[in-house]
Amino acid sequence: MDFVDKTIDYLRSSKAELEKVAWPSKQDTIRFSALVIGASVVMAVFFGVMDRVFMSAVETVLTSRPATHAVTNESNAPPQPIELNPSNVEVVTQSSTPASVINVQGEQKPASPEKKP
């Protein structure tokens, strides 16, 4: 048998099997569909209620526990943004020649003299 003969034989046997199937009536299909949709809604409501119950129980447990330590250290505060503007930012360059400082505006000025011990 070649591919075409196998395909035709498969389709004929599939058609014969589908004719043996007892298909549900239109009313049965509607009834079963309504049953599945109804069961899905009931389960969704059930799990939604259970979620609310457990969430409120967890919140009650967490809020009723006394605090073990109070946060008084300011280092735990969130960092504050630093404002940068050209008047308070300077760039220091390192080189083998005498050092110079360039501020953000691009002006070059001599660096302070290094102190030698």
N, C-alpha and C. Protein backbone atom coordinates (compact mmCIF):
# COMPACT_ATOMS: atom_id res chain seq x y z
N MET A 1 0.83 -1.19 0.00
CA MET A 1 0.00 0.00 0.00
C MET A 1 0.87 1.24 0.00
N ASP A 2 0.50 2.18 -0.81
CA ASP A 2 1.23 3.44 -0.81
C ASP A 2 0.50 4.45 0.06
N PHE A 3 1.04 5.63 0.12
CA PHE A 3 0.53 6.68 1.01
C PHE A 3 -0.92 7.04 0.69
N VAL A 4 -1.26 7.16 -0.56
CA VAL A 4 -2.61 7.57 -0.96
C VAL A 4 -3.62 6.51 -0.52
N ASP A 5 -3.31 5.21 -0.73
CA ASP A 5 -4.22 4.15 -0.34
C ASP A 5 -4.41 4.11 1.17
N LYS A 6 -3.32 4.33 1.94
CA LYS A 6 -3.42 4.35 3.40
C LYS A 6 -4.29 5.51 3.88
N THR A 7 -4.14 6.66 3.25
CA THR A 7 -4.92 7.83 3.63
C THR A 7 -6.40 7.60 3.35
N ILE A 8 -6.75 7.06 2.20
CA ILE A 8 -8.14 6.79 1.85
C ILE A 8 -8.74 5.75 2.80
N ASP A 9 -7.98 4.72 3.13
CA ASP A 9 -8.46 3.69 4.06
C ASP A 9 -8.70 4.29 5.45
N TYR A 10 -7.81 5.17 5.88
CA TYR A 10 -7.98 5.83 7.19
C TYR A 10 -9.24 6.68 7.21
N LEU A 11 -9.47 7.47 6.16
CA LEU A 11 -10.65 8.33 6.12
C LEU A 11 -11.93 7.52 6.09
N ARG A 12 -11.97 6.40 5.36
CA ARG A 12 -13.17 5.54 5.31
C ARG A 12 -13.44 4.92 6.67
N SER A 13 -12.41 4.45 7.35
CA SER A 13 -12.62 3.84 8.66
C SER A 13 -13.02 4.89 9.71
N SER A 14 -12.51 6.09 9.57
CA SER A 14 -12.90 7.17 10.49
C SER A 14 -14.36 7.52 10.29
N LYS A 15 -14.81 7.59 9.05
CA LYS A 15 -16.22 7.90 8.77
C LYS A 15 -17.12 6.81 9.33
N ALA A 16 -16.72 5.57 9.19
CA ALA A 16 -17.53 4.46 9.71
C ALA A 16 -17.63 4.53 11.24
N GLU A 17 -16.55 4.86 11.90
CA GLU A 17 -16.57 4.98 13.36
C GLU A 17 -17.43 6.16 13.81
N LEU A 18 -17.36 7.29 13.10
CA LEU A 18 -18.16 8.45 13.46
C LEU A 18 -19.66 8.19 13.28
N GLU A 19 -20.04 7.31 12.36
CA GLU A 19 -21.46 6.96 12.19
C GLU A 19 -21.96 6.12 13.35
N LYS A 20 -21.08 5.45 14.09
CA LYS A 20 -21.48 4.61 15.22
C LYS A 20 -21.65 5.42 16.52
N VAL A 21 -21.15 6.68 16.52
CA VAL A 21 -21.19 7.50 17.73
C VAL A 21 -22.62 7.91 18.03
N ALA A 22 -23.01 7.83 19.31
CA ALA A 22 -24.33 8.30 19.74
C ALA A 22 -24.17 9.76 20.16
N TRP A 23 -24.51 10.68 19.28
CA TRP A 23 -24.36 12.09 19.53
C TRP A 23 -25.48 12.57 20.45
N PRO A 24 -25.17 13.48 21.39
CA PRO A 24 -26.23 14.00 22.27
C PRO A 24 -27.18 14.91 21.50
N SER A 25 -28.40 15.00 22.01
CA SER A 25 -29.37 15.88 21.37
C SER A 25 -29.04 17.34 21.67
N LYS A 26 -29.76 18.25 21.01
CA LYS A 26 -29.52 19.67 21.22
C LYS A 26 -29.84 20.05 22.67
N GLN A 27 -30.92 19.49 23.21
CA GLN A 27 -31.28 19.78 24.61
C GLN A 27 -30.23 19.27 25.58
N ASP A 28 -29.71 18.07 25.33
CA ASP A 28 -28.65 17.53 26.20
C ASP A 28 -27.40 18.41 26.16
N THR A 29 -27.05 18.87 24.98
CA THR A 29 -25.87 19.73 24.83
C THR A 29 -26.05 21.03 25.60
N ILE A 30 -27.24 21.64 25.48
CA ILE A 30 -27.51 22.89 26.20
C ILE A 30 -27.49 22.64 27.70
N ARG A 31 -28.10 21.54 28.15
CA ARG A 31 -28.15 21.23 29.58
C ARG A 31 -26.75 21.00 30.15
N PHE A 32 -25.94 20.22 29.45
CA PHE A 32 -24.58 19.94 29.93
C PHE A 32 -23.71 21.20 29.92
N SER A 33 -23.90 22.04 28.90
CA SER A 33 -23.14 23.30 28.83
C SER A 33 -23.51 24.20 30.00
N ALA A 34 -24.81 24.30 30.29
CA ALA A 34 -25.26 25.12 31.42
C ALA A 34 -24.72 24.56 32.73
N LEU A 35 -24.67 23.24 32.85
CA LEU A 35 -24.13 22.60 34.07
C LEU A 35 -22.65 22.95 34.25
N VAL A 36 -21.88 22.91 33.19
CA VAL A 36 -20.45 23.24 33.27
C VAL A 36 -20.25 24.71 33.62
N ILE A 37 -21.02 25.59 32.99
CA ILE A 37 -20.90 27.03 33.27
C ILE A 37 -21.31 27.31 34.71
N GLY A 38 -22.41 26.71 35.16
CA GLY A 38 -22.88 26.91 36.53
C GLY A 38 -21.86 26.41 37.55
N ALA A 39 -21.30 25.23 37.31
CA ALA A 39 -20.29 24.69 38.22
C ALA A 39 -19.06 25.59 38.26
N SER A 40 -18.68 26.15 37.12
CA SER A 40 -17.52 27.05 37.08
C SER A 40 -17.78 28.31 37.89
N VAL A 41 -18.99 28.86 37.78
CA VAL A 41 -19.33 30.07 38.54
C VAL A 41 -19.34 29.77 40.04
N VAL A 42 -19.93 28.64 40.44
CA VAL A 42 -19.97 28.26 41.85
C VAL A 42 -18.55 28.09 42.40
N MET A 43 -17.68 27.44 41.65
CA MET A 43 -16.30 27.24 42.10
C MET A 43 -15.56 28.58 42.19
N ALA A 44 -15.79 29.48 41.24
CA ALA A 44 -15.14 30.79 41.26
C ALA A 44 -15.57 31.58 42.50
N VAL A 45 -16.86 31.55 42.81
CA VAL A 45 -17.35 32.24 44.00
C VAL A 45 -16.76 31.61 45.26
N PHE A 46 -16.74 30.29 45.32
CA PHE A 46 -16.19 29.60 46.48
C PHE A 46 -14.73 29.98 46.71
N PHE A 47 -13.92 29.91 45.67
CA PHE A 47 -12.51 30.23 45.84
C PHE A 47 -12.30 31.72 46.12
N GLY A 48 -13.16 32.59 45.58
CA GLY A 48 -13.07 34.02 45.88
C GLY A 48 -13.36 34.29 47.35
N VAL A 49 -14.39 33.63 47.91
CA VAL A 49 -14.72 33.79 49.32
C VAL A 49 -13.59 33.24 50.19
N MET A 50 -13.07 32.08 49.85
CA MET A 50 -11.98 31.50 50.63
C MET A 50 -10.74 32.40 50.59
N ASP A 51 -10.47 33.02 49.46
CA ASP A 51 -9.33 33.94 49.35
C ASP A 51 -9.52 35.12 50.30
N ARG A 52 -10.70 35.70 50.31
CA ARG A 52 -10.98 36.83 51.21
C ARG A 52 -10.84 36.41 52.67
N VAL A 53 -11.35 35.22 53.03
CA VAL A 53 -11.27 34.74 54.42
C VAL A 53 -9.82 34.57 54.83
N PHE A 54 -9.03 33.91 54.01
CA PHE A 54 -7.63 33.69 54.37
C PHE A 54 -6.84 35.00 54.40
N MET A 55 -7.13 35.91 53.47
CA MET A 55 -6.41 37.20 53.47
C MET A 55 -6.73 37.99 54.73
N SER A 56 -7.99 38.01 55.15
CA SER A 56 -8.33 38.75 56.36
C SER A 56 -7.72 38.07 57.59
N ALA A 57 -7.63 36.74 57.58
CA ALA A 57 -7.02 36.03 58.71
C ALA A 57 -5.53 36.35 58.79
N VAL A 58 -4.85 36.37 57.67
CA VAL A 58 -3.42 36.69 57.66
C VAL A 58 -3.19 38.13 58.09
N GLU A 59 -4.02 39.06 57.59
CA GLU A 59 -3.87 40.46 57.99
C GLU A 59 -4.11 40.62 59.49
N THR A 60 -5.09 39.90 60.03
CA THR A 60 -5.37 39.99 61.46
C THR A 60 -4.19 39.48 62.27
N VAL A 61 -3.62 38.37 61.86
CA VAL A 61 -2.47 37.82 62.58
C VAL A 61 -1.28 38.76 62.50
N LEU A 62 -1.02 39.32 61.34
CA LEU A 62 0.15 40.19 61.18
C LEU A 62 0.00 41.52 61.89
N THR A 63 -1.20 42.07 61.94
CA THR A 63 -1.38 43.36 62.59
C THR A 63 -1.55 43.23 64.10
N SER A 64 -1.92 42.05 64.60
CA SER A 64 -2.11 41.90 66.05
C SER A 64 -0.82 41.55 66.77
N ARG A 65 0.21 41.15 66.05
CA ARG A 65 1.49 40.82 66.69
C ARG A 65 2.18 42.09 67.12
N PRO A 66 2.74 42.13 68.35
CA PRO A 66 3.48 43.33 68.78
C PRO A 66 4.78 43.44 67.99
N ALA A 67 5.18 44.67 67.78
CA ALA A 67 6.43 44.91 67.05
C ALA A 67 7.60 44.48 67.92
N THR A 68 8.56 43.77 67.33
CA THR A 68 9.71 43.30 68.09
C THR A 68 10.75 44.40 68.28
N HIS A 69 10.79 45.36 67.40
CA HIS A 69 11.72 46.48 67.54
C HIS A 69 11.15 47.68 66.79
N ALA A 70 11.46 48.82 67.29
CA ALA A 70 11.00 50.04 66.64
C ALA A 70 12.12 50.56 65.75
N VAL A 71 11.75 51.08 64.62
CA VAL A 71 12.73 51.62 63.69
C VAL A 71 12.95 53.09 64.04
N THR A 72 14.11 53.39 64.59
CA THR A 72 14.45 54.76 64.95
C THR A 72 15.68 55.25 64.21
N ASN A 73 16.35 54.36 63.54
CA ASN A 73 17.57 54.71 62.83
C ASN A 73 17.20 55.43 61.53
N GLU A 74 17.73 56.61 61.32
CA GLU A 74 17.41 57.37 60.12
C GLU A 74 18.05 56.77 58.88
N SER A 75 19.02 55.88 59.04
CA SER A 75 19.65 55.29 57.87
C SER A 75 18.71 54.34 57.15
N ASN A 76 17.61 53.94 57.80
CA ASN A 76 16.63 53.09 57.14
C ASN A 76 15.66 53.89 56.28
N ALA A 77 15.74 55.20 56.36
CA ALA A 77 14.86 56.05 55.57
C ALA A 77 15.26 55.95 54.10
N PRO A 78 14.32 56.12 53.20
CA PRO A 78 14.67 56.04 51.77
C PRO A 78 15.61 57.18 51.39
N PRO A 79 16.51 56.93 50.48
CA PRO A 79 17.46 57.97 50.09
C PRO A 79 16.76 59.14 49.43
N GLN A 80 17.26 60.33 49.71
CA GLN A 80 16.70 61.54 49.12
C GLN A 80 17.48 61.87 47.85
N PRO A 81 16.81 62.37 46.83
CA PRO A 81 17.52 62.70 45.59
C PRO A 81 18.47 63.88 45.81
N ILE A 82 19.59 63.84 45.11
CA ILE A 82 20.59 64.89 45.20
C ILE A 82 20.43 65.78 43.98
N GLU A 83 20.29 67.06 44.22
CA GLU A 83 20.17 67.98 43.10
C GLU A 83 21.57 68.39 42.65
N LEU A 84 21.82 68.23 41.37
CA LEU A 84 23.11 68.62 40.81
C LEU A 84 22.89 69.80 39.89
N ASN A 85 23.66 70.83 40.07
CA ASN A 85 23.63 71.94 39.14
C ASN A 85 25.07 72.33 38.86
N PRO A 86 25.31 73.04 37.80
CA PRO A 86 26.69 73.33 37.40
C PRO A 86 27.50 74.09 38.45
N SER A 87 26.87 74.78 39.37
CA SER A 87 27.64 75.56 40.33
C SER A 87 28.21 74.70 41.45
N ASN A 88 27.67 73.50 41.66
CA ASN A 88 28.18 72.69 42.78
C ASN A 88 28.83 71.38 42.33
N VAL A 89 29.13 71.24 41.04
CA VAL A 89 29.76 70.03 40.55
C VAL A 89 31.11 70.39 39.94
N GLU A 90 32.14 69.69 40.35
CA GLU A 90 33.46 69.90 39.76
C GLU A 90 34.05 68.55 39.39
N VAL A 91 34.78 68.51 38.31
CA VAL A 91 35.42 67.29 37.84
C VAL A 91 36.91 67.43 38.07
N VAL A 92 37.51 66.45 38.74
CA VAL A 92 38.94 66.48 39.01
C VAL A 92 39.60 65.47 38.08
N THR A 93 40.59 65.92 37.34
CA THR A 93 41.31 65.02 36.44
C THR A 93 42.66 64.69 37.04
N GLN A 94 43.13 63.49 36.77
CA GLN A 94 44.44 63.08 37.26
C GLN A 94 45.37 62.92 36.07
N SER A 95 46.51 63.49 36.19
CA SER A 95 47.50 63.36 35.13
C SER A 95 48.89 63.55 35.74
N SER A 96 49.92 63.34 34.94
CA SER A 96 51.28 63.52 35.43
C SER A 96 51.66 65.00 35.46
N THR A 97 50.91 65.81 34.73
CA THR A 97 51.14 67.25 34.76
C THR A 97 50.42 67.83 35.96
N PRO A 98 50.70 69.07 36.30
CA PRO A 98 50.00 69.67 37.44
C PRO A 98 48.49 69.52 37.29
N ALA A 99 47.87 69.17 38.38
CA ALA A 99 46.43 68.90 38.36
C ALA A 99 45.64 70.16 38.13
N SER A 100 44.54 70.00 37.46
CA SER A 100 43.64 71.13 37.28
C SER A 100 42.21 70.63 37.52
N VAL A 101 41.35 71.53 37.84
CA VAL A 101 39.96 71.19 38.12
C VAL A 101 39.10 71.84 37.04
N ILE A 102 38.20 71.06 36.48
CA ILE A 102 37.30 71.58 35.46
C ILE A 102 35.89 71.46 36.02
N ASN A 103 35.20 72.57 36.10
CA ASN A 103 33.83 72.48 36.58
C ASN A 103 32.90 72.15 35.41
N VAL A 104 31.63 71.97 35.70
CA VAL A 104 30.68 71.53 34.69
C VAL A 104 30.53 72.54 33.56
N GLN A 105 30.72 73.79 33.84
CA GLN A 105 30.58 74.81 32.80
C GLN A 105 31.77 74.83 31.85
N GLY A 106 32.76 74.03 32.09
CA GLY A 106 33.90 73.92 31.19
C GLY A 106 35.02 74.88 31.49
N GLU A 107 34.91 75.68 32.53
CA GLU A 107 35.98 76.61 32.88
C GLU A 107 37.07 75.84 33.60
N GLN A 108 38.28 76.16 33.29
CA GLN A 108 39.40 75.47 33.92
C GLN A 108 40.03 76.40 34.95
N LYS A 109 40.26 75.87 36.16
CA LYS A 109 40.92 76.66 37.18
C LYS A 109 41.96 75.79 37.86
N PRO A 110 42.99 76.37 38.38
CA PRO A 110 44.05 75.55 39.01
C PRO A 110 43.54 74.87 40.27
N ALA A 111 44.07 73.67 40.46
CA ALA A 111 43.69 72.92 41.66
C ALA A 111 44.47 73.45 42.84
N SER A 112 44.00 73.14 44.01
CA SER A 112 44.72 73.58 45.20
C SER A 112 46.05 72.83 45.26
N PRO A 113 47.08 73.49 45.74
CA PRO A 113 48.41 72.84 45.76
C PRO A 113 48.40 71.64 46.71
N GLU A 114 49.10 70.60 46.28
CA GLU A 114 49.18 69.40 47.11
C GLU A 114 50.10 69.67 48.29
N LYS A 115 49.71 69.14 49.42
CA LYS A 115 50.54 69.30 50.61
C LYS A 115 51.48 68.13 50.69
N LYS A 116 52.77 68.44 50.79
CA LYS A 116 53.77 67.39 50.90
C LYS A 116 54.19 67.26 52.36
N PRO A 117 54.32 66.06 52.86
CA PRO A 117 54.70 65.88 54.27
C PRO A 117 56.12 66.29 54.57
